[in-house]
Amino acid sequence: MTTSGSLDRMELCESLLTWIQTFGVEASCKTVEELTGGVVMAQVLQKIDAVYFNDVWLSRVKPEVGDNWRLKISNLKKVLKGISNSTRRSLASTLTTSRSQM
Protein backbone atom coordinates (compact mmCIF):
# COMPACT_ATOMS: atom_id res chain seq x y z
CA MET A 1 0.00 0.00 0.00
CA THR A 2 1.29 3.47 -0.78
CA THR A 3 1.92 6.10 1.83
CA SER A 4 -0.72 8.35 0.29
CA GLY A 5 -3.24 5.48 0.54
CA SER A 6 -2.47 5.13 4.24
CA LEU A 7 -2.83 8.85 4.77
CA ASP A 8 -6.13 8.87 2.93
CA ARG A 9 -7.46 6.13 5.19
CA MET A 10 -6.23 7.90 8.30
CA GLU A 11 -7.81 11.14 7.15
CA LEU A 12 -11.11 9.36 6.42
CA CYS A 13 -11.09 7.74 9.85
CA GLU A 14 -10.39 11.06 11.54
CA SER A 15 -13.18 12.69 9.54
CA LEU A 16 -15.58 9.92 10.52
CA LEU A 17 -14.69 10.31 14.19
CA THR A 18 -15.15 14.07 13.98
CA TRP A 19 -18.56 13.65 12.33
CA ILE A 20 -19.73 11.06 14.86
CA GLN A 21 -18.65 13.28 17.76
CA THR A 22 -21.00 16.02 16.52
CA PHE A 23 -23.96 13.87 17.57
CA GLY A 24 -23.01 13.94 21.25
CA VAL A 25 -23.82 10.29 21.90
CA GLU A 26 -23.36 8.62 25.26
CA ALA A 27 -20.82 6.02 24.13
CA SER A 28 -17.20 7.09 23.92
CA CYS A 29 -15.87 7.69 20.42
CA LYS A 30 -12.32 8.97 20.47
CA THR A 31 -10.67 6.18 18.49
CA VAL A 32 -11.56 4.04 15.49
CA GLU A 33 -11.37 0.97 17.72
CA GLU A 34 -14.36 2.30 19.69
CA LEU A 35 -16.43 2.07 16.52
CA THR A 36 -15.86 -1.66 16.17
CA GLY A 37 -18.48 -2.61 18.76
CA GLY A 38 -21.37 -0.98 16.90
CA VAL A 39 -22.67 0.84 19.99
CA VAL A 40 -21.58 4.31 18.90
CA MET A 41 -23.05 3.88 15.42
CA ALA A 42 -26.32 2.57 16.88
CA GLN A 43 -26.61 5.64 19.09
CA VAL A 44 -25.86 7.92 16.12
CA LEU A 45 -28.58 6.20 14.10
CA GLN A 46 -31.04 6.83 16.91
CA LYS A 47 -30.13 10.54 16.82
CA ILE A 48 -30.65 10.59 13.04
CA ASP A 49 -34.00 8.75 13.05
CA ALA A 50 -35.42 8.23 16.55
CA VAL A 51 -38.69 6.87 15.16
CA TYR A 52 -37.16 3.91 13.35
CA PHE A 53 -34.13 3.43 15.62
CA ASN A 54 -36.17 3.69 18.80
CA ASP A 55 -35.31 2.57 22.34
CA VAL A 56 -36.56 -0.96 21.65
CA TRP A 57 -34.24 -1.26 18.64
CA LEU A 58 -31.33 0.26 20.56
CA SER A 59 -31.85 -2.14 23.49
CA ARG A 60 -30.99 -5.03 21.15
CA VAL A 61 -27.47 -3.66 20.72
CA LYS A 62 -25.27 -4.94 23.54
CA PRO A 63 -23.45 -1.97 25.12
CA GLU A 64 -20.63 -3.86 26.88
CA VAL A 65 -18.84 -5.95 24.26
CA GLY A 66 -15.24 -5.56 25.40
CA ASP A 67 -12.96 -7.63 23.17
CA ASN A 68 -15.66 -10.22 22.42
CA TRP A 69 -15.62 -10.33 18.62
CA ARG A 70 -18.85 -12.33 18.44
CA LEU A 71 -20.78 -9.62 20.28
CA LYS A 72 -19.16 -6.95 18.12
CA ILE A 73 -20.17 -8.76 14.94
CA SER A 74 -23.68 -9.29 16.29
CA ASN A 75 -24.01 -5.57 17.04
CA LEU A 76 -22.60 -4.57 13.66
CA LYS A 77 -25.02 -6.92 11.89
CA LYS A 78 -27.91 -5.26 13.75
CA VAL A 79 -26.64 -1.83 12.71
CA LEU A 80 -26.24 -2.91 9.07
CA LYS A 81 -29.67 -4.57 9.00
CA GLY A 82 -31.21 -1.48 10.61
CA ILE A 83 -29.64 0.82 8.02
CA SER A 84 -30.78 -1.45 5.17
CA ASN A 85 -34.34 -1.73 6.47
CA SER A 86 -34.59 1.98 7.24
CA THR A 87 -33.33 2.87 3.76
CA ARG A 88 -35.78 0.46 2.12
CA ARG A 89 -38.64 1.92 4.16
CA SER A 90 -37.63 5.45 3.23
CA LEU A 91 -37.30 4.62 -0.47
CA ALA A 92 -40.64 2.80 -0.50
CA SER A 93 -42.29 5.80 1.12
CA THR A 94 -40.71 8.14 -1.43
CA LEU A 95 -41.85 5.96 -4.34
CA THR A 96 -45.39 5.75 -2.96
CA THR A 97 -45.53 9.52 -2.53
CA SER A 98 -44.14 10.11 -6.04
CA ARG A 99 -46.67 7.76 -7.62
CA SER A 100 -49.60 9.33 -5.80
CA GLN A 101 -48.60 12.77 -7.10
CA MET A 102 -48.64 11.64 -10.75
PDB file of N, CA and C in Angstrom:
ATOM      1  N   MET A   1       0.847  -1.178   0.000  1.00  0.00           N
ATOM      2  CA  MET A   1       0.000   0.000   0.000  1.00  0.00           C
ATOM      3  C   MET A   1       0.890   1.239   0.000  1.00  0.00           C
ATOM      4  N   THR A   2       0.502   2.251  -0.710  1.00  0.00           N
ATOM      5  CA  THR A   2       1.287   3.467  -0.780  1.00  0.00           C
ATOM      6  C   THR A   2       1.083   4.308   0.462  1.00  0.00           C
ATOM      7  N   THR A   3       2.023   5.201   0.684  1.00  0.00           N
ATOM      8  CA  THR A   3       1.923   6.099   1.826  1.00  0.00           C
ATOM      9  C   THR A   3       0.708   6.998   1.691  1.00  0.00           C
ATOM     10  N   SER A   4       0.439   7.477   0.480  1.00  0.00           N
ATOM     11  CA  SER A   4      -0.722   8.350   0.293  1.00  0.00           C
ATOM     12  C   SER A   4      -2.019   7.600   0.568  1.00  0.00           C
ATOM     13  N   GLY A   5      -2.064   6.293   0.234  1.00  0.00           N
ATOM     14  CA  GLY A   5      -3.242   5.481   0.543  1.00  0.00           C
ATOM     15  C   GLY A   5      -3.458   5.373   2.034  1.00  0.00           C
ATOM     16  N   SER A   6      -2.376   5.206   2.782  1.00  0.00           N
ATOM     17  CA  SER A   6      -2.468   5.130   4.237  1.00  0.00           C
ATOM     18  C   SER A   6      -2.941   6.454   4.810  1.00  0.00           C
ATOM     19  N   LEU A   7      -2.417   7.537   4.282  1.00  0.00           N
ATOM     20  CA  LEU A   7      -2.829   8.853   4.768  1.00  0.00           C
ATOM     21  C   LEU A   7      -4.294   9.109   4.460  1.00  0.00           C
ATOM     22  N   ASP A   8      -4.732   8.688   3.283  1.00  0.00           N
ATOM     23  CA  ASP A   8      -6.130   8.872   2.928  1.00  0.00           C
ATOM     24  C   ASP A   8      -7.038   8.128   3.898  1.00  0.00           C
ATOM     25  N   ARG A   9      -6.664   6.911   4.242  1.00  0.00           N
ATOM     26  CA  ARG A   9      -7.461   6.129   5.192  1.00  0.00           C
ATOM     27  C   ARG A   9      -7.476   6.784   6.562  1.00  0.00           C
ATOM     28  N   MET A  10      -6.313   7.246   6.992  1.00  0.00           N
ATOM     29  CA  MET A  10      -6.233   7.900   8.302  1.00  0.00           C
ATOM     30  C   MET A  10      -7.090   9.159   8.315  1.00  0.00           C
ATOM     31  N   GLU A  11      -7.025   9.911   7.240  1.00  0.00           N
ATOM     32  CA  GLU A  11      -7.812  11.139   7.146  1.00  0.00           C
ATOM     33  C   GLU A  11      -9.309  10.824   7.146  1.00  0.00           C
ATOM     34  N   LEU A  12      -9.701   9.774   6.431  1.00  0.00           N
ATOM     35  CA  LEU A  12     -11.106   9.359   6.416  1.00  0.00           C
ATOM     36  C   LEU A  12     -11.571   8.935   7.805  1.00  0.00           C
ATOM     37  N   CYS A  13     -10.740   8.176   8.494  1.00  0.00           N
ATOM     38  CA  CYS A  13     -11.089   7.739   9.851  1.00  0.00           C
ATOM     39  C   CYS A  13     -11.234   8.927  10.791  1.00  0.00           C
ATOM     40  N   GLU A  14     -10.308   9.865  10.701  1.00  0.00           N
ATOM     41  CA  GLU A  14     -10.386  11.059  11.539  1.00  0.00           C
ATOM     42  C   GLU A  14     -11.636  11.868  11.218  1.00  0.00           C
ATOM     43  N   SER A  15     -11.971  11.971   9.944  1.00  0.00           N
ATOM     44  CA  SER A  15     -13.183  12.694   9.542  1.00  0.00           C
ATOM     45  C   SER A  15     -14.431  12.003  10.064  1.00  0.00           C
ATOM     46  N   LEU A  16     -14.449  10.678   9.996  1.00  0.00           N
ATOM     47  CA  LEU A  16     -15.581   9.916  10.517  1.00  0.00           C
ATOM     48  C   LEU A  16     -15.735  10.135  12.016  1.00  0.00           C
ATOM     49  N   LEU A  17     -14.640  10.077  12.745  1.00  0.00           N
ATOM     50  CA  LEU A  17     -14.692  10.306  14.191  1.00  0.00           C
ATOM     51  C   LEU A  17     -15.187  11.713  14.510  1.00  0.00           C
ATOM     52  N   THR A  18     -14.706  12.691  13.773  1.00  0.00           N
ATOM     53  CA  THR A  18     -15.149  14.075  13.983  1.00  0.00           C
ATOM     54  C   THR A  18     -16.642  14.198  13.733  1.00  0.00           C
ATOM     55  N   TRP A  19     -17.134  13.595  12.653  1.00  0.00           N
ATOM     56  CA  TRP A  19     -18.562  13.650  12.329  1.00  0.00           C
ATOM     57  C   TRP A  19     -19.389  12.977  13.417  1.00  0.00           C
ATOM     58  N   ILE A  20     -18.977  11.800  13.844  1.00  0.00           N
ATOM     59  CA  ILE A  20     -19.727  11.062  14.863  1.00  0.00           C
ATOM     60  C   ILE A  20     -19.776  11.844  16.169  1.00  0.00           C
ATOM     61  N   GLN A  21     -18.688  12.513  16.517  1.00  0.00           N
ATOM     62  CA  GLN A  21     -18.652  13.279  17.761  1.00  0.00           C
ATOM     63  C   GLN A  21     -19.626  14.450  17.750  1.00  0.00           C
ATOM     64  N   THR A  22     -20.046  14.904  16.582  1.00  0.00           N
ATOM     65  CA  THR A  22     -21.002  16.018  16.519  1.00  0.00           C
ATOM     66  C   THR A  22     -22.383  15.622  17.025  1.00  0.00           C
ATOM     67  N   PHE A  23     -22.652  14.325  17.115  1.00  0.00           N
ATOM     68  CA  PHE A  23     -23.962  13.866  17.572  1.00  0.00           C
ATOM     69  C   PHE A  23     -24.083  13.835  19.092  1.00  0.00           C
ATOM     70  N   GLY A  24     -22.982  13.926  19.795  1.00  0.00           N
ATOM     71  CA  GLY A  24     -23.010  13.942  21.248  1.00  0.00           C
ATOM     72  C   GLY A  24     -23.635  12.699  21.864  1.00  0.00           C
ATOM     73  N   VAL A  25     -23.263  11.532  21.365  1.00  0.00           N
ATOM     74  CA  VAL A  25     -23.824  10.290  21.897  1.00  0.00           C
ATOM     75  C   VAL A  25     -23.160   9.932  23.220  1.00  0.00           C
ATOM     76  N   GLU A  26     -23.836   9.051  23.951  1.00  0.00           N
ATOM     77  CA  GLU A  26     -23.362   8.622  25.262  1.00  0.00           C
ATOM     78  C   GLU A  26     -22.063   7.820  25.191  1.00  0.00           C
ATOM     79  N   ALA A  27     -21.992   6.901  24.253  1.00  0.00           N
ATOM     80  CA  ALA A  27     -20.821   6.024  24.134  1.00  0.00           C
ATOM     81  C   ALA A  27     -19.591   6.829  23.723  1.00  0.00           C
ATOM     82  N   SER A  28     -18.454   6.427  24.241  1.00  0.00           N
ATOM     83  CA  SER A  28     -17.199   7.093  23.916  1.00  0.00           C
ATOM     84  C   SER A  28     -16.818   6.827  22.462  1.00  0.00           C
ATOM     85  N   CYS A  29     -16.286   7.856  21.818  1.00  0.00           N
ATOM     86  CA  CYS A  29     -15.869   7.691  20.424  1.00  0.00           C
ATOM     87  C   CYS A  29     -14.677   8.599  20.146  1.00  0.00           C
ATOM     88  N   LYS A  30     -13.540   8.198  20.679  1.00  0.00           N
ATOM     89  CA  LYS A  30     -12.323   8.975  20.469  1.00  0.00           C
ATOM     90  C   LYS A  30     -11.335   8.263  19.545  1.00  0.00           C
ATOM     91  N   THR A  31     -11.556   6.954  19.360  1.00  0.00           N
ATOM     92  CA  THR A  31     -10.667   6.181  18.488  1.00  0.00           C
ATOM     93  C   THR A  31     -11.499   5.314  17.544  1.00  0.00           C
ATOM     94  N   VAL A  32     -10.880   4.909  16.455  1.00  0.00           N
ATOM     95  CA  VAL A  32     -11.556   4.043  15.488  1.00  0.00           C
ATOM     96  C   VAL A  32     -11.935   2.717  16.145  1.00  0.00           C
ATOM     97  N   GLU A  33     -11.097   2.234  17.046  1.00  0.00           N
ATOM     98  CA  GLU A  33     -11.372   0.968  17.725  1.00  0.00           C
ATOM     99  C   GLU A  33     -12.704   1.009  18.474  1.00  0.00           C
ATOM    100  N   GLU A  34     -13.088   2.176  18.962  1.00  0.00           N
ATOM    101  CA  GLU A  34     -14.356   2.296  19.693  1.00  0.00           C
ATOM    102  C   GLU A  34     -15.567   2.176  18.771  1.00  0.00           C
ATOM    103  N   LEU A  35     -15.337   2.255  17.479  1.00  0.00           N
ATOM    104  CA  LEU A  35     -16.426   2.074  16.516  1.00  0.00           C
ATOM    105  C   LEU A  35     -16.704   0.604  16.237  1.00  0.00           C
ATOM    106  N   THR A  36     -15.753  -0.260  16.563  1.00  0.00           N
ATOM    107  CA  THR A  36     -15.864  -1.663  16.170  1.00  0.00           C
ATOM    108  C   THR A  36     -16.936  -2.439  16.914  1.00  0.00           C
ATOM    109  N   GLY A  37     -17.448  -1.903  18.005  1.00  0.00           N
ATOM    110  CA  GLY A  37     -18.483  -2.607  18.758  1.00  0.00           C
ATOM    111  C   GLY A  37     -19.892  -2.311  18.288  1.00  0.00           C
ATOM    112  N   GLY A  38     -20.059  -1.305  17.433  1.00  0.00           N
ATOM    113  CA  GLY A  38     -21.371  -0.980  16.897  1.00  0.00           C
ATOM    114  C   GLY A  38     -22.234  -0.098  17.781  1.00  0.00           C
ATOM    115  N   VAL A  39     -21.848   0.084  19.041  1.00  0.00           N
ATOM    116  CA  VAL A  39     -22.672   0.842  19.988  1.00  0.00           C
ATOM    117  C   VAL A  39     -22.749   2.315  19.595  1.00  0.00           C
ATOM    118  N   VAL A  40     -21.614   2.893  19.269  1.00  0.00           N
ATOM    119  CA  VAL A  40     -21.578   4.309  18.897  1.00  0.00           C
ATOM    120  C   VAL A  40     -22.442   4.550  17.665  1.00  0.00           C
ATOM    121  N   MET A  41     -22.281   3.708  16.657  1.00  0.00           N
ATOM    122  CA  MET A  41     -23.052   3.876  15.422  1.00  0.00           C
ATOM    123  C   MET A  41     -24.542   3.707  15.684  1.00  0.00           C
ATOM    124  N   ALA A  42     -24.910   2.774  16.545  1.00  0.00           N
ATOM    125  CA  ALA A  42     -26.321   2.570  16.877  1.00  0.00           C
ATOM    126  C   ALA A  42     -26.898   3.820  17.538  1.00  0.00           C
ATOM    127  N   GLN A  43     -26.134   4.426  18.425  1.00  0.00           N
ATOM    128  CA  GLN A  43     -26.606   5.642  19.087  1.00  0.00           C
ATOM    129  C   GLN A  43     -26.706   6.812  18.109  1.00  0.00           C
ATOM    130  N   VAL A  44     -25.788   6.884  17.162  1.00  0.00           N
ATOM    131  CA  VAL A  44     -25.857   7.921  16.124  1.00  0.00           C
ATOM    132  C   VAL A  44     -27.105   7.716  15.271  1.00  0.00           C
ATOM    133  N   LEU A  45     -27.382   6.483  14.897  1.00  0.00           N
ATOM    134  CA  LEU A  45     -28.579   6.196  14.101  1.00  0.00           C
ATOM    135  C   LEU A  45     -29.839   6.623  14.836  1.00  0.00           C
ATOM    136  N   GLN A  46     -29.868   6.417  16.143  1.00  0.00           N
ATOM    137  CA  GLN A  46     -31.040   6.831  16.906  1.00  0.00           C
ATOM    138  C   GLN A  46     -31.193   8.354  16.887  1.00  0.00           C
ATOM    139  N   LYS A  47     -30.070   9.073  16.905  1.00  0.00           N
ATOM    140  CA  LYS A  47     -30.134  10.542  16.821  1.00  0.00           C
ATOM    141  C   LYS A  47     -30.629  10.985  15.438  1.00  0.00           C
ATOM    142  N   ILE A  48     -30.256  10.246  14.403  1.00  0.00           N
ATOM    143  CA  ILE A  48     -30.651  10.594  13.041  1.00  0.00           C
ATOM    144  C   ILE A  48     -32.128  10.301  12.807  1.00  0.00           C
ATOM    145  N   ASP A  49     -32.601   9.148  13.261  1.00  0.00           N
ATOM    146  CA  ASP A  49     -34.000   8.747  13.052  1.00  0.00           C
ATOM    147  C   ASP A  49     -34.507   8.018  14.293  1.00  0.00           C
ATOM    148  N   ALA A  50     -34.976   8.795  15.266  1.00  0.00           N
ATOM    149  CA  ALA A  50     -35.417   8.228  16.549  1.00  0.00           C
ATOM    150  C   ALA A  50     -36.709   7.434  16.425  1.00  0.00           C
ATOM    151  N   VAL A  51     -37.454   7.629  15.344  1.00  0.00           N
ATOM    152  CA  VAL A  51     -38.695   6.871  15.162  1.00  0.00           C
ATOM    153  C   VAL A  51     -38.365   5.435  14.773  1.00  0.00           C
ATOM    154  N   TYR A  52     -37.517   5.266  13.780  1.00  0.00           N
ATOM    155  CA  TYR A  52     -37.164   3.909  13.349  1.00  0.00           C
ATOM    156  C   TYR A  52     -36.200   3.256  14.336  1.00  0.00           C
ATOM    157  N   PHE A  53     -35.141   3.967  14.694  1.00  0.00           N
ATOM    158  CA  PHE A  53     -34.130   3.432  15.616  1.00  0.00           C
ATOM    159  C   PHE A  53     -34.505   3.833  17.047  1.00  0.00           C
ATOM    160  N   ASN A  54     -35.629   3.317  17.493  1.00  0.00           N
ATOM    161  CA  ASN A  54     -36.174   3.692  18.805  1.00  0.00           C
ATOM    162  C   ASN A  54     -35.460   2.952  19.939  1.00  0.00           C
ATOM    163  N   ASP A  55     -35.937   3.187  21.167  1.00  0.00           N
ATOM    164  CA  ASP A  55     -35.310   2.565  22.338  1.00  0.00           C
ATOM    165  C   ASP A  55     -35.369   1.043  22.297  1.00  0.00           C
ATOM    166  N   VAL A  56     -36.445   0.497  21.749  1.00  0.00           N
ATOM    167  CA  VAL A  56     -36.556  -0.963  21.645  1.00  0.00           C
ATOM    168  C   VAL A  56     -35.463  -1.492  20.718  1.00  0.00           C
ATOM    169  N   TRP A  57     -35.293  -0.845  19.565  1.00  0.00           N
ATOM    170  CA  TRP A  57     -34.243  -1.258  18.636  1.00  0.00           C
ATOM    171  C   TRP A  57     -32.870  -1.121  19.294  1.00  0.00           C
ATOM    172  N   LEU A  58     -32.634   0.011  19.943  1.00  0.00           N
ATOM    173  CA  LEU A  58     -31.334   0.261  20.563  1.00  0.00           C
ATOM    174  C   LEU A  58     -31.037  -0.738  21.679  1.00  0.00           C
ATOM    175  N   SER A  59     -32.069  -1.193  22.379  1.00  0.00           N
ATOM    176  CA  SER A  59     -31.854  -2.138  23.485  1.00  0.00           C
ATOM    177  C   SER A  59     -31.337  -3.491  22.993  1.00  0.00           C
ATOM    178  N   ARG A  60     -31.489  -3.762  21.720  1.00  0.00           N
ATOM    179  CA  ARG A  60     -30.991  -5.027  21.152  1.00  0.00           C
ATOM    180  C   ARG A  60     -29.486  -5.001  20.896  1.00  0.00           C
ATOM    181  N   VAL A  61     -28.914  -3.809  20.908  1.00  0.00           N
ATOM    182  CA  VAL A  61     -27.471  -3.661  20.717  1.00  0.00           C
ATOM    183  C   VAL A  61     -26.814  -3.745  22.093  1.00  0.00           C
ATOM    184  N   LYS A  62     -25.929  -4.711  22.246  1.00  0.00           N
ATOM    185  CA  LYS A  62     -25.272  -4.943  23.540  1.00  0.00           C
ATOM    186  C   LYS A  62     -24.221  -3.861  23.793  1.00  0.00           C
ATOM    187  N   PRO A  63     -24.359  -3.094  24.884  1.00  0.00           N
ATOM    188  CA  PRO A  63     -23.447  -1.973  25.122  1.00  0.00           C
ATOM    189  C   PRO A  63     -22.046  -2.373  25.597  1.00  0.00           C
ATOM    190  N   GLU A  64     -21.927  -3.458  26.314  1.00  0.00           N
ATOM    191  CA  GLU A  64     -20.628  -3.861  26.879  1.00  0.00           C
ATOM    192  C   GLU A  64     -20.087  -5.070  26.127  1.00  0.00           C
ATOM    193  N   VAL A  65     -19.352  -4.829  25.051  1.00  0.00           N
ATOM    194  CA  VAL A  65     -18.838  -5.945  24.258  1.00  0.00           C
ATOM    195  C   VAL A  65     -17.379  -6.270  24.550  1.00  0.00           C
ATOM    196  N   GLY A  66     -16.651  -5.322  25.108  1.00  0.00           N
ATOM    197  CA  GLY A  66     -15.235  -5.556  25.402  1.00  0.00           C
ATOM    198  C   GLY A  66     -14.485  -6.010  24.163  1.00  0.00           C
ATOM    199  N   ASP A  67     -13.714  -7.081  24.303  1.00  0.00           N
ATOM    200  CA  ASP A  67     -12.959  -7.635  23.175  1.00  0.00           C
ATOM    201  C   ASP A  67     -13.656  -8.832  22.546  1.00  0.00           C
ATOM    202  N   ASN A  68     -14.914  -9.063  22.915  1.00  0.00           N
ATOM    203  CA  ASN A  68     -15.661 -10.216  22.416  1.00  0.00           C
ATOM    204  C   ASN A  68     -16.080  -9.967  20.966  1.00  0.00           C
ATOM    205  N   TRP A  69     -15.367 -10.590  20.037  1.00  0.00           N
ATOM    206  CA  TRP A  69     -15.617 -10.332  18.619  1.00  0.00           C
ATOM    207  C   TRP A  69     -16.989 -10.815  18.178  1.00  0.00           C
ATOM    208  N   ARG A  70     -17.520 -11.843  18.825  1.00  0.00           N
ATOM    209  CA  ARG A  70     -18.850 -12.333  18.443  1.00  0.00           C
ATOM    210  C   ARG A  70     -19.924 -11.296  18.758  1.00  0.00           C
ATOM    211  N   LEU A  71     -19.819 -10.668  19.930  1.00  0.00           N
ATOM    212  CA  LEU A  71     -20.784  -9.622  20.283  1.00  0.00           C
ATOM    213  C   LEU A  71     -20.629  -8.409  19.369  1.00  0.00           C
ATOM    214  N   LYS A  72     -19.392  -8.080  19.033  1.00  0.00           N
ATOM    215  CA  LYS A  72     -19.156  -6.953  18.124  1.00  0.00           C
ATOM    216  C   LYS A  72     -19.806  -7.216  16.767  1.00  0.00           C
ATOM    217  N   ILE A  73     -19.589  -8.409  16.241  1.00  0.00           N
ATOM    218  CA  ILE A  73     -20.172  -8.761  14.942  1.00  0.00           C
ATOM    219  C   ILE A  73     -21.691  -8.753  15.023  1.00  0.00           C
ATOM    220  N   SER A  74     -22.232  -9.279  16.109  1.00  0.00           N
ATOM    221  CA  SER A  74     -23.683  -9.292  16.289  1.00  0.00           C
ATOM    222  C   SER A  74     -24.232  -7.864  16.285  1.00  0.00           C
ATOM    223  N   ASN A  75     -23.574  -6.969  17.011  1.00  0.00           N
ATOM    224  CA  ASN A  75     -24.005  -5.569  17.040  1.00  0.00           C
ATOM    225  C   ASN A  75     -23.905  -4.930  15.660  1.00  0.00           C
ATOM    226  N   LEU A  76     -22.790  -5.166  14.980  1.00  0.00           N
ATOM    227  CA  LEU A  76     -22.599  -4.566  13.658  1.00  0.00           C
ATOM    228  C   LEU A  76     -23.608  -5.096  12.643  1.00  0.00           C
ATOM    229  N   LYS A  77     -23.974  -6.366  12.764  1.00  0.00           N
ATOM    230  CA  LYS A  77     -25.016  -6.921  11.888  1.00  0.00           C
ATOM    231  C   LYS A  77     -26.348  -6.232  12.147  1.00  0.00           C
ATOM    232  N   LYS A  78     -26.661  -5.958  13.414  1.00  0.00           N
ATOM    233  CA  LYS A  78     -27.908  -5.260  13.753  1.00  0.00           C
ATOM    234  C   LYS A  78     -27.904  -3.848  13.187  1.00  0.00           C
ATOM    235  N   VAL A  79     -26.762  -3.181  13.270  1.00  0.00           N
ATOM    236  CA  VAL A  79     -26.639  -1.833  12.712  1.00  0.00           C
ATOM    237  C   VAL A  79     -26.821  -1.875  11.197  1.00  0.00           C
ATOM    238  N   LEU A  80     -26.134  -2.790  10.524  1.00  0.00           N
ATOM    239  CA  LEU A  80     -26.244  -2.912   9.065  1.00  0.00           C
ATOM    240  C   LEU A  80     -27.670  -3.242   8.643  1.00  0.00           C
ATOM    241  N   LYS A  81     -28.293  -4.195   9.326  1.00  0.00           N
ATOM    242  CA  LYS A  81     -29.670  -4.565   9.000  1.00  0.00           C
ATOM    243  C   LYS A  81     -30.613  -3.387   9.243  1.00  0.00           C
ATOM    244  N   GLY A  82     -30.384  -2.651  10.324  1.00  0.00           N
ATOM    245  CA  GLY A  82     -31.210  -1.481  10.612  1.00  0.00           C
ATOM    246  C   GLY A  82     -31.087  -0.418   9.534  1.00  0.00           C
ATOM    247  N   ILE A  83     -29.857  -0.163   9.091  1.00  0.00           N
ATOM    248  CA  ILE A  83     -29.638   0.823   8.023  1.00  0.00           C
ATOM    249  C   ILE A  83     -30.322   0.360   6.741  1.00  0.00           C
ATOM    250  N   SER A  84     -30.164  -0.904   6.394  1.00  0.00           N
ATOM    251  CA  SER A  84     -30.784  -1.448   5.174  1.00  0.00           C
ATOM    252  C   SER A  84     -32.302  -1.342   5.228  1.00  0.00           C
ATOM    253  N   ASN A  85     -32.885  -1.769   6.336  1.00  0.00           N
ATOM    254  CA  ASN A  85     -34.344  -1.728   6.471  1.00  0.00           C
ATOM    255  C   ASN A  85     -34.874  -0.300   6.494  1.00  0.00           C
ATOM    256  N   SER A  86     -34.176   0.579   7.179  1.00  0.00           N
ATOM    257  CA  SER A  86     -34.593   1.980   7.240  1.00  0.00           C
ATOM    258  C   SER A  86     -34.531   2.626   5.859  1.00  0.00           C
ATOM    259  N   THR A  87     -33.472   2.325   5.112  1.00  0.00           N
ATOM    260  CA  THR A  87     -33.327   2.873   3.762  1.00  0.00           C
ATOM    261  C   THR A  87     -34.421   2.344   2.847  1.00  0.00           C
ATOM    262  N   ARG A  88     -34.698   1.043   2.926  1.00  0.00           N
ATOM    263  CA  ARG A  88     -35.778   0.456   2.121  1.00  0.00           C
ATOM    264  C   ARG A  88     -37.114   1.119   2.446  1.00  0.00           C
ATOM    265  N   ARG A  89     -37.382   1.299   3.727  1.00  0.00           N
ATOM    266  CA  ARG A  89     -38.635   1.917   4.156  1.00  0.00           C
ATOM    267  C   ARG A  89     -38.737   3.343   3.618  1.00  0.00           C
ATOM    268  N   SER A  90     -37.649   4.078   3.709  1.00  0.00           N
ATOM    269  CA  SER A  90     -37.629   5.455   3.235  1.00  0.00           C
ATOM    270  C   SER A  90     -37.826   5.524   1.720  1.00  0.00           C
ATOM    271  N   LEU A  91     -37.151   4.647   0.984  1.00  0.00           N
ATOM    272  CA  LEU A  91     -37.305   4.622  -0.473  1.00  0.00           C
ATOM    273  C   LEU A  91     -38.711   4.211  -0.880  1.00  0.00           C
ATOM    274  N   ALA A  92     -39.275   3.235  -0.194  1.00  0.00           N
ATOM    275  CA  ALA A  92     -40.642   2.799  -0.500  1.00  0.00           C
ATOM    276  C   ALA A  92     -41.625   3.935  -0.259  1.00  0.00           C
ATOM    277  N   SER A  93     -41.420   4.668   0.805  1.00  0.00           N
ATOM    278  CA  SER A  93     -42.290   5.801   1.118  1.00  0.00           C
ATOM    279  C   SER A  93     -42.171   6.887   0.049  1.00  0.00           C
ATOM    280  N   THR A  94     -40.946   7.140  -0.390  1.00  0.00           N
ATOM    281  CA  THR A  94     -40.711   8.141  -1.431  1.00  0.00           C
ATOM    282  C   THR A  94     -41.369   7.724  -2.740  1.00  0.00           C
ATOM    283  N   LEU A  95     -41.229   6.451  -3.108  1.00  0.00           N
ATOM    284  CA  LEU A  95     -41.848   5.960  -4.339  1.00  0.00           C
ATOM    285  C   LEU A  95     -43.363   6.045  -4.269  1.00  0.00           C
ATOM    286  N   THR A  96     -43.937   5.689  -3.135  1.00  0.00           N
ATOM    287  CA  THR A  96     -45.387   5.750  -2.958  1.00  0.00           C
ATOM    288  C   THR A  96     -45.878   7.185  -3.081  1.00  0.00           C
ATOM    289  N   THR A  97     -45.156   8.108  -2.464  1.00  0.00           N
ATOM    290  CA  THR A  97     -45.526   9.522  -2.527  1.00  0.00           C
ATOM    291  C   THR A  97     -45.412  10.041  -3.953  1.00  0.00           C
ATOM    292  N   SER A  98     -44.340   9.665  -4.652  1.00  0.00           N
ATOM    293  CA  SER A  98     -44.135  10.110  -6.036  1.00  0.00           C
ATOM    294  C   SER A  98     -45.237   9.592  -6.951  1.00  0.00           C
ATOM    295  N   ARG A  99     -45.620   8.346  -6.776  1.00  0.00           N
ATOM    296  CA  ARG A  99     -46.666   7.761  -7.620  1.00  0.00           C
ATOM    297  C   ARG A  99     -48.018   8.413  -7.363  1.00  0.00           C
ATOM    298  N   SER A 100     -48.293   8.736  -6.118  1.00  0.00           N
ATOM    299  CA  SER A 100     -49.600   9.329  -5.803  1.00  0.00           C
ATOM    300  C   SER A 100     -49.713  10.761  -6.320  1.00  0.00           C
ATOM    301  N   GLN A 101     -48.581  11.404  -6.591  1.00  0.00           N
ATOM    302  CA  GLN A 101     -48.599  12.772  -7.100  1.00  0.00           C
ATOM    303  C   GLN A 101     -48.668  12.823  -8.621  1.00  0.00           C
ATOM    304  N   MET A 102     -48.602  11.671  -9.277  1.00  0.00           N
ATOM    305  CA  MET A 102     -48.640  11.637 -10.748  1.00  0.00           C
ATOM    306  C   MET A 102     -50.040  11.773 -11.260  1.00  0.00           C
TER     307      MET A 102
END
